[in-house]
């Protein structure tokens, strides 16, 4: 699976499609790194964005669960 690189490994930004139709790029909304908007890069960006959504949901559920446990 193709992996899009950020400027640093801890970046948790989302990939956005930007630019004019003939010069489309994929840009991270946090670290601003860009990649060509090839079909492979676009699919990798979609996969990474969905993974981020699921990880944030799981983290929120875990935090809620930990917060509700008696000490």
Protein backbone atom coordinates (compact mmCIF):
# COMPACT_ATOMS: atom_id res chain seq x y z
CA UNK A 1 0.00 0.00 0.00
CA UNK A 2 1.28 3.45 -0.92
CA UNK A 3 1.91 5.75 2.04
CA UNK A 4 1.90 9.53 1.77
CA UNK A 5 4.63 11.17 3.84
CA UNK A 6 4.12 14.19 6.09
CA UNK A 7 6.87 16.63 7.10
CA UNK A 8 7.13 14.80 10.44
CA UNK A 9 5.94 11.41 11.62
CA UNK A 10 3.65 12.74 14.34
CA UNK A 11 1.49 14.84 11.97
CA UNK A 12 -2.21 14.00 12.21
CA UNK A 13 -3.49 16.26 9.43
CA UNK A 14 -6.03 15.36 6.76
CA UNK A 15 -5.28 15.24 3.06
CA UNK A 16 -7.13 17.74 0.86
CA UNK A 17 -7.32 17.99 -2.91
CA UNK A 18 -6.21 21.49 -3.98
CA UNK A 19 -5.37 23.42 -7.12
CA UNK A 20 -6.72 23.91 -10.61
CA UNK A 21 -8.01 20.86 -12.46
CA UNK A 22 -4.87 20.49 -14.59
CA UNK A 23 -2.47 21.03 -11.64
CA UNK A 24 -4.21 19.15 -8.84
CA UNK A 25 -2.20 18.40 -5.71
CA UNK A 26 -2.92 16.66 -2.44
CA UNK A 27 -1.97 18.80 0.59
CA UNK A 28 -1.93 18.06 4.30
CA UNK A 29 -4.03 20.61 6.18
CA UNK A 30 -1.58 20.62 9.13
CA UNK A 31 1.98 20.32 7.85
CA UNK A 32 1.22 21.63 4.31
CA UNK A 33 3.32 18.99 2.53
CA UNK A 34 2.06 18.30 -0.99
CA UNK A 35 2.05 15.36 -3.38
CA UNK A 36 0.93 15.02 -6.99
CA UNK A 37 -2.74 14.06 -7.21
CA UNK A 38 -2.13 10.82 -9.08
CA UNK A 39 -4.86 8.18 -8.81
CA UNK A 40 -2.62 6.17 -6.46
CA UNK A 41 -1.94 9.17 -4.21
CA UNK A 42 -5.63 10.10 -4.15
CA UNK A 43 -6.59 6.58 -3.02
CA UNK A 44 -3.85 6.59 -0.39
CA UNK A 45 -5.10 9.97 0.88
CA UNK A 46 -8.66 8.65 1.16
CA UNK A 47 -7.44 5.57 3.04
CA UNK A 48 -5.34 7.64 5.42
CA UNK A 49 -8.15 10.13 6.07
CA UNK A 50 -10.57 7.28 6.89
CA UNK A 51 -8.01 5.64 9.16
CA UNK A 52 -7.60 8.95 10.99
CA UNK A 53 -11.36 9.26 11.46
CA UNK A 54 -11.57 5.76 12.94
CA UNK A 55 -8.57 6.30 15.21
CA UNK A 56 -10.04 9.55 16.57
CA UNK A 57 -13.37 7.79 17.23
CA UNK A 58 -11.67 4.91 19.01
CA UNK A 59 -9.54 7.30 21.07
CA UNK A 60 -12.67 9.22 22.12
CA UNK A 61 -14.46 6.00 23.06
CA UNK A 62 -11.42 4.84 25.05
CA UNK A 63 -11.17 8.16 26.86
CA UNK A 64 -14.87 8.05 27.71
CA UNK A 65 -14.51 4.48 28.95
CA UNK A 66 -11.49 5.34 31.10
CA UNK A 67 -13.25 8.40 32.48
CA UNK A 68 -16.25 6.34 33.57
CA UNK A 69 -14.26 3.69 35.47
CA UNK A 70 -14.24 3.94 39.26
CA UNK A 71 -10.79 4.47 40.73
